[in-house]
Amino acid sequence: MNERIKIKVKQMLDRGAKGLLRFRTAFLFSLFLFLIVFCRVAYMPGETSFDELFPVSLGYILISLGSTILFSVLWRLLLEWKHKVSLLYEAVNIPALAGFYFLWHMMPMNHYFAMYVAGLSFSLPCLCLFLLQRQMATGLFPHVFVSFVQAFGIAVLTMGLGGICLLGINALLVPIAWNWGYALCAFSFVLVGINVFLSCFPSEKECPRSASFLYLLKRVFLPAYVILLAILYGYIGKILFLWEMPVGKMNWYASFAVAVFSLFYFCLYEETDNGSRRFLKYGALALFPVMVVQALGIYIRFEAYGLTAARYASMICSGFGLAVIAFAFFRRAACPLFLLAGIIGVLCSMTPLNLIDVPVYDQGRRLERVLVKNQMISDGNLKLPVSISEEDAEVLRSAYDYLKYSEGAWRFPVVEQLRNDDRFTELLGSDYDQRRVIRSYEWNEIPVTGYRRLIHFRSDTTENHGELLITNGDEMIRLDIRPYLQEIKEKGAGGQKGTAENMMYRVNENRILRFVWINYHWGKEPHFMSEGYLLEK
């Protein structure tokens, strides 16, 4: 038994060493990323907020390293496919890192940036699977899926055990900052998780079959999937019986069913037993009516409320699901689907067909059609409609409600005009979040040198649109904070983060306000609630 364990451990260590050597560039970049996080946490003393610990400039570097790790894996697989593996070719990853950095650095960190990074992070692994599938004979996806689950489990276990150690050090030895959790997270998921996963990447023509995983898939997941499919068919029967289709209820369950069937297809399409073949063929047929009803529900929502990012993504996933069903029914190999998924990821994140711009364009057109139809806009100027139908008003509200939160709405200046025109408040409904700022800030210390008194206050009233009232015993203090309120409005609404600079206001030479939290709403009934400290000389 001991010899068996030793052999198993030796095989694991040899496999890990081969994997690190094979994907050495990814290992070096993951080590570099971990060291940056570690050194940053060690350099910043005490408790530090996430934004201070990882400023935007450092965020670009870390994201560029992550992007290059994914690219280096794809590049290595491409070199292996073309039989051109050499250090000279691998050196391409260095200019790739510089290219990613300059690419990301040119973009502000907003929803577009997150979409680009997410699209790249999805597409590169799909293309890696495509290249691996071209080289492998059988068993690729089940092996990669099991390897991913194992690597993720090891990373979570490392994170948990490391967290217990950090708690022990903090409780029993010396107090340490919670920021060390970021270093532990980088170590667990980047350095350990990624490299354990890459060490499991197959290099032979045939991948080892995981009998336990296939048994679990067929004996546990398959019955659960059949039950879910039966529930969906029961729901379809209920729709037909009542002749009424509630929208928005079935979509998530149908999407989950398609995702599970896709997992079955990618794992079982190479199996030769009759049971697997029959399941994929007839399972594809059984899932098709569910997808038809799901598509009908999405279309009803689209007709009523236009296109949204979630609805657009659901349409794309349904289209890919139909491709999976077709491949399963006709027993086609999965290789083209990996390429298709990678292409879809690029198209929906890095082209004009992306998940932000397409829904914004659709909602903007809906908004403009209503404005023109009801003669509410002329030469770029807005005016209230003489009369408007409830249907048009609902289209106007739904389109505006979507666009006012989207960063792609800059293409339609009329959205900003509607936001700032109080005449449309009643027509468009409440615009609570667009005219409210909530901030908080924890002062580690408040310097009182040079001041004769410090007054803690909590105020929820303003008078004359800008007078802060502070009660101190029998004393009533009135402070003019109109410049401070104007500065807040100019910076715009939303969850502006509190900082030492924007949570402090100098009233005059003798008085200064240091706010702990503020809640400012400047709609029809403006009010300013706050808590903080007044320092007086």
Protein backbone atom coordinates (compact mmCIF):
# COMPACT_ATOMS: atom_id res chain seq x y z
CA MET A 1 0.00 0.00 0.00
CA ASN A 2 2.81 2.41 0.94
CA GLU A 3 4.57 1.67 -2.34
CA ARG A 4 1.39 2.39 -4.24
CA ILE A 5 0.99 5.75 -2.52
CA LYS A 6 4.62 6.62 -3.23
CA ILE A 7 4.17 5.75 -6.90
CA LYS A 8 0.98 7.85 -7.10
CA VAL A 9 2.66 10.83 -5.43
CA LYS A 10 5.70 10.51 -7.71
CA GLN A 11 3.45 10.38 -10.78
CA MET A 12 1.60 13.50 -9.63
CA LEU A 13 4.87 15.37 -9.00
CA ASP A 14 6.28 14.31 -12.37
CA ARG A 15 3.08 15.37 -14.12
CA GLY A 16 3.13 18.71 -12.31
CA ALA A 17 6.78 19.31 -13.22
CA LYS A 18 6.11 18.46 -16.88
CA GLY A 19 3.10 20.77 -16.90
CA LEU A 20 5.08 23.68 -15.42
CA LEU A 21 7.86 23.10 -17.95
CA ARG A 22 5.38 22.86 -20.81
CA PHE A 23 3.53 26.05 -19.85
CA ARG A 24 6.53 27.79 -18.28
CA THR A 25 5.53 31.22 -19.56
CA ALA A 26 2.13 30.98 -17.91
CA PHE A 27 3.80 29.80 -14.69
CA LEU A 28 6.27 32.71 -14.67
CA PHE A 29 3.55 35.29 -15.32
CA SER A 30 1.30 33.78 -12.63
CA LEU A 31 4.23 33.86 -10.20
CA PHE A 32 4.90 37.48 -11.14
CA LEU A 33 1.24 38.38 -10.61
CA PHE A 34 1.25 36.74 -7.16
CA LEU A 35 4.49 38.52 -6.17
CA ILE A 36 3.02 41.90 -7.16
CA VAL A 37 -0.04 41.31 -4.97
CA PHE A 38 2.11 39.95 -2.13
CA CYS A 39 4.55 42.86 -2.20
CA ARG A 40 1.74 45.38 -2.44
CA VAL A 41 0.02 43.94 0.64
CA ALA A 42 3.33 43.77 2.53
CA TYR A 43 4.18 47.35 1.55
CA MET A 44 0.86 48.90 2.61
CA PRO A 45 0.74 48.90 6.43
CA GLY A 46 -2.45 48.31 8.43
CA GLU A 47 -5.98 48.15 7.10
CA THR A 48 -6.24 49.66 3.62
CA SER A 49 -9.25 49.85 1.34
CA PHE A 50 -9.26 47.80 -1.85
CA ASP A 51 -9.08 50.92 -4.04
CA GLU A 52 -6.06 52.23 -2.19
CA LEU A 53 -4.36 48.85 -2.15
CA PHE A 54 -4.93 48.24 -5.85
CA PRO A 55 -5.18 51.59 -7.65
CA VAL A 56 -6.31 51.72 -11.26
CA SER A 57 -2.73 51.89 -12.56
CA LEU A 58 -1.86 48.63 -10.78
CA GLY A 59 -5.17 47.10 -11.90
CA TYR A 60 -4.15 47.53 -15.54
CA ILE A 61 -0.89 45.67 -14.86
CA LEU A 62 -2.61 42.77 -13.09
CA ILE A 63 -5.29 42.41 -15.78
CA SER A 64 -2.61 42.55 -18.49
CA LEU A 65 -0.72 39.74 -16.76
CA GLY A 66 -3.91 37.68 -16.53
CA SER A 67 -4.65 38.25 -20.23
CA THR A 68 -1.11 37.24 -21.16
CA ILE A 69 -1.36 34.03 -19.11
CA LEU A 70 -4.38 32.99 -21.19
CA PHE A 71 -2.68 34.06 -24.43
CA SER A 72 0.54 32.18 -23.56
CA VAL A 73 -1.42 28.93 -23.18
CA LEU A 74 -3.13 29.44 -26.54
CA TRP A 75 0.20 30.35 -28.16
CA ARG A 76 1.91 27.25 -26.74
CA LEU A 77 -0.84 24.98 -28.06
CA LEU A 78 -0.64 26.65 -31.46
CA LEU A 79 3.14 26.09 -31.55
CA GLU A 80 2.66 22.43 -30.60
CA TRP A 81 0.06 22.05 -33.36
CA LYS A 82 2.49 23.50 -35.91
CA HIS A 83 5.49 21.63 -34.40
CA LYS A 84 7.42 24.87 -33.86
CA VAL A 85 8.02 24.85 -30.10
CA SER A 86 11.12 26.89 -29.20
CA LEU A 87 12.18 29.58 -26.75
CA LEU A 88 12.40 32.07 -29.62
CA TYR A 89 8.74 31.65 -30.48
CA GLU A 90 7.73 31.65 -26.81
CA ALA A 91 9.40 35.05 -26.44
CA VAL A 92 6.41 36.44 -28.37
CA ASN A 93 4.60 36.50 -25.01
CA ILE A 94 6.73 39.46 -23.88
CA PRO A 95 5.54 41.88 -26.59
CA ALA A 96 2.07 40.35 -26.10
CA LEU A 97 2.19 41.48 -22.47
CA ALA A 98 3.19 44.99 -23.55
CA GLY A 99 0.43 45.00 -26.15
CA PHE A 100 -2.21 43.96 -23.63
CA TYR A 101 -1.02 46.62 -21.19
CA PHE A 102 -1.20 49.45 -23.72
CA LEU A 103 -4.54 48.14 -25.01
CA TRP A 104 -6.16 48.04 -21.57
CA HIS A 105 -4.46 51.23 -20.42
CA MET A 106 -6.13 53.19 -23.21
CA MET A 107 -9.58 52.31 -21.83
CA PRO A 108 -11.31 53.67 -18.74
CA MET A 109 -12.38 51.02 -16.25
CA ASN A 110 -16.10 50.95 -16.98
CA HIS A 111 -18.65 48.43 -18.23
CA TYR A 112 -17.04 48.39 -21.68
CA PHE A 113 -13.69 47.50 -20.12
CA ALA A 114 -15.26 44.69 -18.08
CA MET A 115 -16.98 43.38 -21.23
CA TYR A 116 -13.73 43.36 -23.24
CA VAL A 117 -11.84 41.54 -20.49
CA ALA A 118 -14.68 39.03 -19.97
CA GLY A 119 -14.93 38.40 -23.72
CA LEU A 120 -11.21 37.76 -24.01
CA SER A 121 -11.22 35.54 -20.91
CA PHE A 122 -14.01 33.45 -22.46
CA SER A 123 -12.75 33.30 -26.05
CA LEU A 124 -9.12 32.33 -25.41
CA PRO A 125 -9.97 29.13 -23.43
CA CYS A 126 -12.51 28.16 -26.13
CA LEU A 127 -9.82 28.52 -28.80
CA CYS A 128 -7.44 26.52 -26.60
CA LEU A 129 -9.99 23.69 -26.51
CA PHE A 130 -10.33 23.95 -30.30
CA LEU A 131 -6.58 23.54 -30.80
CA LEU A 132 -6.37 20.71 -28.26
CA GLN A 133 -9.28 18.91 -29.96
CA ARG A 134 -7.47 19.13 -33.29
CA GLN A 135 -4.52 17.28 -31.74
CA MET A 136 -6.36 14.81 -29.49
CA ALA A 137 -8.08 11.63 -30.61
CA THR A 138 -10.62 11.07 -27.83
CA GLY A 139 -11.65 12.07 -24.34
CA LEU A 140 -10.59 15.73 -24.31
CA PHE A 141 -13.55 17.58 -22.80
CA PRO A 142 -14.31 15.15 -19.93
CA HIS A 143 -10.63 15.20 -18.99
CA VAL A 144 -10.39 18.99 -19.10
CA PHE A 145 -13.67 19.41 -17.20
CA VAL A 146 -12.59 17.02 -14.43
CA SER A 147 -9.17 18.70 -14.29
CA PHE A 148 -10.82 22.10 -13.91
CA VAL A 149 -13.04 20.87 -11.07
CA GLN A 150 -10.04 19.28 -9.34
CA ALA A 151 -7.90 22.41 -9.73
CA PHE A 152 -10.72 24.63 -8.48
CA GLY A 153 -11.26 22.32 -5.51
CA ILE A 154 -7.54 22.39 -4.64
CA ALA A 155 -7.54 26.20 -4.90
CA VAL A 156 -10.58 26.48 -2.62
CA LEU A 157 -9.00 24.04 -0.14
CA THR A 158 -5.75 26.01 -0.19
CA MET A 159 -7.69 29.22 0.37
CA GLY A 160 -9.62 27.72 3.27
CA LEU A 161 -6.59 26.21 5.03
CA GLY A 162 -4.58 29.38 4.46
CA GLY A 163 -7.43 31.45 5.87
CA ILE A 164 -7.46 29.31 9.03
CA CYS A 165 -3.71 29.87 9.39
CA LEU A 166 -4.12 33.64 8.99
CA LEU A 167 -6.89 33.64 11.61
CA GLY A 168 -4.65 31.65 13.95
CA ILE A 169 -1.76 34.08 13.53
CA ASN A 170 -4.06 37.03 14.12
CA ALA A 171 -5.72 35.51 17.21
CA LEU A 172 -2.78 33.76 18.86
CA LEU A 173 0.45 35.42 17.78
CA VAL A 174 0.37 38.94 16.34
CA PRO A 175 -2.44 41.04 14.84
CA ILE A 176 -2.27 41.14 11.06
CA ALA A 177 -4.21 43.15 8.48
CA TRP A 178 -7.08 41.48 6.67
CA ASN A 179 -5.45 42.63 3.42
CA TRP A 180 -3.32 39.49 3.57
CA GLY A 181 -6.44 37.71 2.36
CA TYR A 182 -5.83 39.24 -1.09
CA ALA A 183 -2.33 37.73 -1.18
CA LEU A 184 -3.74 34.37 -0.08
CA CYS A 185 -6.41 34.58 -2.80
CA ALA A 186 -3.76 35.31 -5.46
CA PHE A 187 -1.65 32.42 -4.21
CA SER A 188 -4.56 29.95 -4.10
CA PHE A 189 -6.36 30.72 -7.35
CA VAL A 190 -3.64 32.19 -9.56
CA LEU A 191 -0.41 30.48 -8.56
CA VAL A 192 -1.82 27.15 -7.38
CA GLY A 193 -5.17 26.80 -9.19
CA ILE A 194 -4.06 27.86 -12.68
CA ASN A 195 -0.86 25.82 -12.66
CA VAL A 196 -2.49 22.70 -11.24
CA PHE A 197 -5.08 22.96 -14.03
CA LEU A 198 -2.43 23.49 -16.73
CA SER A 199 -0.37 20.57 -15.42
CA CYS A 200 -3.38 18.34 -16.20
CA PHE A 201 -3.60 19.48 -19.83
CA PRO A 202 -3.26 16.42 -22.05
CA SER A 203 -0.22 16.06 -24.25
CA GLU A 204 -0.91 12.58 -25.62
CA LYS A 205 -3.25 11.66 -28.43
CA GLU A 206 -5.74 10.02 -26.09
CA CYS A 207 -6.83 11.41 -22.73
CA PRO A 208 -7.30 9.07 -19.77
CA ARG A 209 -10.99 8.34 -19.17
CA SER A 210 -12.40 9.24 -15.79
CA ALA A 211 -14.67 6.30 -15.09
CA SER A 212 -15.93 7.82 -11.83
CA PHE A 213 -16.92 11.07 -13.55
CA LEU A 214 -18.75 9.28 -16.37
CA TYR A 215 -20.51 7.10 -13.78
CA LEU A 216 -21.55 10.24 -11.86
CA LEU A 217 -22.72 11.85 -15.08
CA LYS A 218 -24.88 8.91 -16.12
CA ARG A 219 -26.18 7.78 -12.73
CA VAL A 220 -26.69 11.10 -10.93
CA PHE A 221 -26.83 14.01 -13.39
CA LEU A 222 -28.86 12.16 -16.02
CA PRO A 223 -31.84 11.31 -13.74
CA ALA A 224 -31.86 14.87 -12.36
CA TYR A 225 -31.85 16.23 -15.92
CA VAL A 226 -34.74 13.96 -16.94
CA ILE A 227 -36.77 15.19 -13.94
CA LEU A 228 -36.05 18.82 -14.89
CA LEU A 229 -37.11 18.11 -18.47
CA ALA A 230 -40.33 16.53 -17.21
CA ILE A 231 -41.04 19.64 -15.12
CA LEU A 232 -40.51 21.85 -18.16
CA TYR A 233 -42.86 19.71 -20.21
CA GLY A 234 -45.41 19.95 -17.42
CA TYR A 235 -45.08 23.74 -17.55
CA ILE A 236 -45.57 23.67 -21.34
CA GLY A 237 -48.69 21.54 -20.82
CA LYS A 238 -49.96 24.09 -18.30
CA ILE A 239 -49.44 26.86 -20.87
CA LEU A 240 -51.38 24.93 -23.50
CA PHE A 241 -54.18 24.07 -21.07
CA LEU A 242 -54.64 27.63 -19.79
CA TRP A 243 -53.74 29.16 -23.17
CA GLU A 244 -51.74 31.75 -21.28
CA MET A 245 -47.99 32.23 -21.26
CA PRO A 246 -46.46 33.97 -18.24
CA VAL A 247 -43.21 35.50 -19.50
CA GLY A 248 -39.95 35.60 -17.58
CA LYS A 249 -40.58 32.43 -15.53
CA MET A 250 -39.32 29.63 -17.74
CA ASN A 251 -36.22 31.20 -19.22
CA TRP A 252 -33.70 30.39 -16.46
CA TYR A 253 -34.84 26.76 -16.11
CA ALA A 254 -34.79 26.22 -19.87
CA SER A 255 -31.33 27.79 -20.13
CA PHE A 256 -30.09 25.54 -17.33
CA ALA A 257 -31.52 22.49 -19.13
CA VAL A 258 -29.71 23.50 -22.34
CA ALA A 259 -26.45 24.01 -20.41
CA VAL A 260 -26.72 20.58 -18.77
CA PHE A 261 -27.50 18.90 -22.10
CA SER A 262 -24.48 20.65 -23.61
CA LEU A 263 -22.35 19.16 -20.82
CA PHE A 264 -23.77 15.72 -21.63
CA TYR A 265 -23.03 16.20 -25.31
CA PHE A 266 -19.42 17.36 -24.88
CA CYS A 267 -18.71 14.51 -22.45
CA LEU A 268 -20.60 11.66 -24.16
CA TYR A 269 -20.50 12.24 -27.91
CA GLU A 270 -17.37 10.04 -28.20
CA GLU A 271 -18.92 7.20 -26.19
CA THR A 272 -19.73 4.13 -28.28
CA ASP A 273 -22.35 2.45 -26.09
CA ASN A 274 -25.91 2.48 -27.42
CA GLY A 275 -27.33 4.11 -24.28
CA SER A 276 -25.23 7.26 -24.68
CA ARG A 277 -25.95 7.48 -28.38
CA ARG A 278 -29.69 7.08 -27.94
CA PHE A 279 -29.75 9.65 -25.12
CA LEU A 280 -27.97 12.28 -27.20
CA LYS A 281 -30.19 11.70 -30.22
CA TYR A 282 -33.56 11.57 -28.50
CA GLY A 283 -32.52 14.00 -25.77
CA ALA A 284 -31.84 16.57 -28.48
CA LEU A 285 -35.30 16.00 -29.92
CA ALA A 286 -36.91 16.25 -26.47
CA LEU A 287 -35.14 19.55 -25.73
CA PHE A 288 -36.15 21.21 -28.98
CA PRO A 289 -39.80 22.01 -27.97
CA VAL A 290 -38.52 23.52 -24.73
CA MET A 291 -36.24 25.84 -26.68
CA VAL A 292 -39.10 26.80 -29.00
CA VAL A 293 -41.27 27.85 -26.05
CA GLN A 294 -38.31 29.65 -24.48
CA ALA A 295 -37.69 31.54 -27.72
CA LEU A 296 -41.38 32.51 -27.85
CA GLY A 297 -41.17 33.91 -24.32
CA ILE A 298 -38.04 35.91 -25.17
CA TYR A 299 -39.73 37.26 -28.30
CA ILE A 300 -42.79 38.40 -26.28
CA ARG A 301 -40.53 40.27 -23.84
CA PHE A 302 -38.56 41.73 -26.74
CA GLU A 303 -41.70 43.03 -28.44
CA ALA A 304 -42.96 44.57 -25.21
CA TYR A 305 -39.76 46.01 -23.71
CA GLY A 306 -37.12 45.90 -26.42
CA LEU A 307 -33.68 44.39 -26.28
CA THR A 308 -31.63 44.32 -23.07
CA ALA A 309 -28.17 42.91 -22.42
CA ALA A 310 -29.65 39.90 -20.58
CA ARG A 311 -32.21 39.28 -23.35
CA TYR A 312 -29.55 39.61 -26.05
CA ALA A 313 -27.25 37.20 -24.19
CA SER A 314 -30.15 34.77 -23.80
CA MET A 315 -30.78 34.87 -27.57
CA ILE A 316 -27.11 34.17 -28.27
CA CYS A 317 -27.02 31.27 -25.80
CA SER A 318 -30.20 29.85 -27.33
CA GLY A 319 -28.62 30.02 -30.77
CA PHE A 320 -25.54 28.16 -29.52
CA GLY A 321 -27.83 25.67 -27.78
CA LEU A 322 -29.57 24.96 -31.10
CA ALA A 323 -26.16 24.29 -32.65
CA VAL A 324 -25.35 21.83 -29.84
CA ILE A 325 -28.71 20.08 -30.36
CA ALA A 326 -28.05 19.77 -34.10
CA PHE A 327 -24.55 18.36 -33.51
CA ALA A 328 -25.90 15.90 -30.93
CA PHE A 329 -28.74 14.70 -33.16
CA PHE A 330 -26.52 14.17 -36.19
CA ARG A 331 -23.63 12.80 -34.07
CA ARG A 332 -21.07 15.36 -35.20
CA ALA A 333 -17.74 15.98 -33.44
CA ALA A 334 -17.59 18.93 -31.04
CA CYS A 335 -14.44 20.56 -32.43
CA PRO A 336 -16.24 23.21 -34.57
CA LEU A 337 -18.39 24.18 -31.56
CA PHE A 338 -15.31 25.24 -29.58
CA LEU A 339 -14.30 27.48 -32.47
CA LEU A 340 -17.86 28.79 -32.78
CA ALA A 341 -17.98 29.62 -29.04
CA GLY A 342 -14.68 31.51 -29.31
CA ILE A 343 -15.90 33.50 -32.32
CA ILE A 344 -19.19 34.32 -30.57
CA GLY A 345 -17.24 35.51 -27.53
CA VAL A 346 -15.20 37.88 -29.69
CA LEU A 347 -18.20 39.16 -31.67
CA CYS A 348 -20.30 39.81 -28.56
CA SER A 349 -17.59 41.66 -26.67
CA MET A 350 -15.13 43.32 -29.04
CA THR A 351 -17.17 44.28 -32.10
CA PRO A 352 -20.16 46.58 -32.70
CA LEU A 353 -22.33 43.50 -32.07
CA ASN A 354 -21.37 43.58 -28.39
CA LEU A 355 -23.67 43.13 -25.40
CA ILE A 356 -23.80 46.86 -24.61
CA ASP A 357 -24.15 48.62 -27.96
CA VAL A 358 -26.75 46.40 -29.66
CA PRO A 359 -29.36 46.69 -26.85
CA VAL A 360 -28.62 50.42 -26.50
CA TYR A 361 -29.16 50.94 -30.23
CA ASP A 362 -32.49 49.09 -30.08
CA GLN A 363 -33.71 50.96 -26.99
CA GLY A 364 -32.54 54.29 -28.42
CA ARG A 365 -34.52 53.73 -31.60
CA ARG A 366 -37.61 52.81 -29.56
CA LEU A 367 -37.21 56.01 -27.56
CA GLU A 368 -36.74 58.20 -30.63
CA ARG A 369 -39.74 56.65 -32.44
CA VAL A 370 -42.04 57.58 -29.55
CA LEU A 371 -40.62 61.11 -29.30
CA VAL A 372 -41.05 61.73 -33.03
CA LYS A 373 -44.48 60.09 -33.20
CA ASN A 374 -45.83 62.28 -30.38
CA GLN A 375 -44.04 65.44 -31.61
CA MET A 376 -42.02 65.69 -28.39
CA ILE A 377 -38.77 66.73 -30.07
CA SER A 378 -38.05 69.46 -32.58
CA ASP A 379 -34.60 70.62 -33.69
CA GLY A 380 -33.08 68.86 -30.69
CA ASN A 381 -35.41 70.59 -28.20
CA LEU A 382 -37.84 68.63 -26.04
CA LYS A 383 -41.41 69.55 -25.22
CA LEU A 384 -44.22 67.82 -23.37
CA PRO A 385 -46.74 65.94 -25.53
CA VAL A 386 -50.23 67.32 -25.94
CA SER A 387 -51.48 63.77 -25.40
CA ILE A 388 -49.78 60.40 -25.38
CA SER A 389 -51.23 56.90 -25.33
CA GLU A 390 -50.50 54.62 -22.40
CA GLU A 391 -48.75 52.20 -24.77
CA ASP A 392 -46.36 54.90 -26.04
CA ALA A 393 -45.79 56.17 -22.49
CA GLU A 394 -44.83 52.65 -21.38
CA VAL A 395 -42.40 52.29 -24.30
CA LEU A 396 -40.90 55.69 -23.45
CA ARG A 397 -40.48 54.77 -19.78
CA SER A 398 -39.02 51.31 -20.40
CA ALA A 399 -36.53 52.58 -23.00
CA TYR A 400 -35.48 55.51 -20.81
CA ASP A 401 -35.17 53.32 -17.70
CA TYR A 402 -32.76 51.04 -19.56
CA LEU A 403 -30.73 53.78 -21.25
CA LYS A 404 -30.24 55.97 -18.18
CA TYR A 405 -28.13 53.22 -16.56
CA SER A 406 -26.18 52.23 -19.68
CA GLU A 407 -22.77 53.64 -20.53
CA GLY A 408 -23.58 53.25 -24.21
CA ALA A 409 -26.38 55.84 -23.99
CA TRP A 410 -23.96 58.66 -24.96
CA ARG A 411 -24.96 57.89 -28.55
CA PHE A 412 -28.40 59.30 -27.75
CA PRO A 413 -28.04 62.80 -26.22
CA VAL A 414 -31.81 62.97 -25.74
CA VAL A 415 -31.42 60.61 -22.74
CA GLU A 416 -29.38 63.23 -20.86
CA GLN A 417 -31.88 65.90 -21.86
CA LEU A 418 -34.73 63.86 -20.41
CA ARG A 419 -32.75 63.20 -17.26
CA ASN A 420 -32.17 66.92 -16.60
CA ASP A 421 -35.61 68.20 -17.61
CA ASP A 422 -37.96 68.30 -14.60
CA ARG A 423 -40.98 68.64 -16.88
CA PHE A 424 -40.74 64.92 -17.73
CA THR A 425 -40.46 63.64 -14.15
CA GLU A 426 -44.11 62.69 -13.90
CA LEU A 427 -44.21 61.10 -17.35
CA LEU A 428 -41.02 59.08 -16.89
CA GLY A 429 -41.68 58.09 -13.29
CA SER A 430 -39.42 58.30 -10.27
CA ASP A 431 -35.77 58.99 -10.99
CA TYR A 432 -34.59 58.42 -7.44
CA ASP A 433 -31.14 57.02 -8.11
CA GLN A 434 -30.25 59.59 -10.74
CA ARG A 435 -30.49 62.50 -8.28
CA ARG A 436 -29.03 60.93 -5.16
CA VAL A 437 -25.52 60.53 -3.79
CA ILE A 438 -24.69 58.34 -0.79
CA ARG A 439 -21.16 58.39 0.59
CA SER A 440 -19.46 57.16 3.73
CA TYR A 441 -15.94 57.42 5.06
CA GLU A 442 -14.27 56.11 8.21
CA TRP A 443 -11.83 58.63 9.68
CA ASN A 444 -8.95 56.86 11.39
CA GLU A 445 -8.19 60.05 13.27
CA ILE A 446 -9.41 63.63 13.28
CA PRO A 447 -6.67 66.21 13.96
CA VAL A 448 -7.92 68.81 16.46
CA THR A 449 -4.76 70.84 16.91
CA GLY A 450 -5.61 74.55 16.60
CA TYR A 451 -9.34 74.06 17.18
CA ARG A 452 -11.08 74.97 20.44
CA ARG A 453 -13.95 72.48 20.15
CA LEU A 454 -15.18 69.46 18.22
CA ILE A 455 -18.94 68.87 17.85
CA HIS A 456 -20.43 65.56 16.75
CA PHE A 457 -23.64 66.09 14.78
CA ARG A 458 -26.36 64.21 12.98
CA SER A 459 -28.55 66.35 10.74
CA ASP A 460 -31.42 65.45 8.45
CA THR A 461 -32.68 68.91 7.52
CA THR A 462 -31.62 71.73 5.26
CA GLU A 463 -33.17 75.16 5.05
CA ASN A 464 -33.16 77.60 2.18
CA HIS A 465 -31.62 75.01 -0.14
CA GLY A 466 -28.21 74.85 1.45
CA GLU A 467 -28.14 75.67 5.18
CA LEU A 468 -26.95 72.83 7.38
CA LEU A 469 -28.50 72.99 10.86
CA ILE A 470 -26.47 71.61 13.75
CA THR A 471 -27.93 71.41 17.24
CA ASN A 472 -25.46 71.47 20.13
CA GLY A 473 -27.45 71.53 23.35
CA ASP A 474 -29.39 74.79 23.34
CA GLU A 475 -27.19 76.20 20.58
CA MET A 476 -28.33 76.18 16.95
CA ILE A 477 -25.53 76.48 14.37
CA ARG A 478 -26.35 77.37 10.77
CA LEU A 479 -23.74 76.65 8.11
CA ASP A 480 -23.86 77.54 4.40
CA ILE A 481 -22.87 74.39 2.46
CA ARG A 482 -24.25 75.38 -0.96
CA PRO A 483 -20.83 75.21 -2.68
CA TYR A 484 -20.36 71.70 -1.30
CA LEU A 485 -23.78 70.57 -2.53
CA GLN A 486 -23.15 72.10 -5.95
CA GLU A 487 -19.87 70.21 -6.22
CA ILE A 488 -21.70 66.95 -5.48
CA LYS A 489 -24.31 67.62 -8.19
CA GLU A 490 -21.67 68.50 -10.77
CA LYS A 491 -19.93 65.16 -10.23
CA GLY A 492 -23.20 63.34 -10.88
CA ALA A 493 -25.35 60.82 -9.07
CA GLY A 494 -24.71 57.27 -7.96
CA GLY A 495 -22.52 55.62 -5.37
CA GLN A 496 -19.62 58.07 -5.34
CA LYS A 497 -16.97 56.62 -3.08
CA GLY A 498 -16.18 58.65 0.03
CA THR A 499 -12.60 59.91 0.37
CA ALA A 500 -10.84 62.19 2.83
CA GLU A 501 -11.06 64.98 0.24
CA ASN A 502 -14.72 64.78 -0.78
CA MET A 503 -15.96 64.14 2.78
CA MET A 504 -14.39 67.32 4.15
CA TYR A 505 -15.69 70.86 3.59
CA ARG A 506 -14.12 74.09 4.86
CA VAL A 507 -16.98 76.47 5.67
CA ASN A 508 -14.68 79.40 6.46
CA GLU A 509 -11.37 80.10 8.13
CA ASN A 510 -12.71 79.10 11.54
CA ARG A 511 -14.94 76.14 10.75
CA ILE A 512 -14.42 72.85 8.97
CA LEU A 513 -16.79 69.90 8.47
CA ARG A 514 -15.64 66.28 8.37
CA PHE A 515 -18.53 64.02 7.30
CA VAL A 516 -18.85 60.36 8.28
CA TRP A 517 -21.72 59.76 5.87
CA ILE A 518 -23.95 61.85 3.63
CA ASN A 519 -27.19 61.19 1.76
CA TYR A 520 -28.06 63.98 -0.67
CA HIS A 521 -31.12 64.01 -2.93
CA TRP A 522 -31.74 67.00 -5.20
CA GLY A 523 -35.05 66.13 -6.86
CA LYS A 524 -38.33 67.97 -6.46
CA GLU A 525 -38.03 67.80 -2.67
CA PRO A 526 -34.28 68.17 -2.02
CA HIS A 527 -32.87 67.08 1.30
CA PHE A 528 -29.44 66.47 2.79
CA MET A 529 -28.88 63.98 5.61
CA SER A 530 -25.49 63.64 7.22
CA GLU A 531 -23.42 62.70 10.21
CA GLY A 532 -19.99 64.02 11.06
CA TYR A 533 -17.90 66.43 13.08
CA LEU A 534 -17.69 70.20 13.15
CA LEU A 535 -14.35 71.69 14.21
CA GLU A 536 -14.28 75.31 15.38
CA LYS A 537 -11.37 77.59 16.18
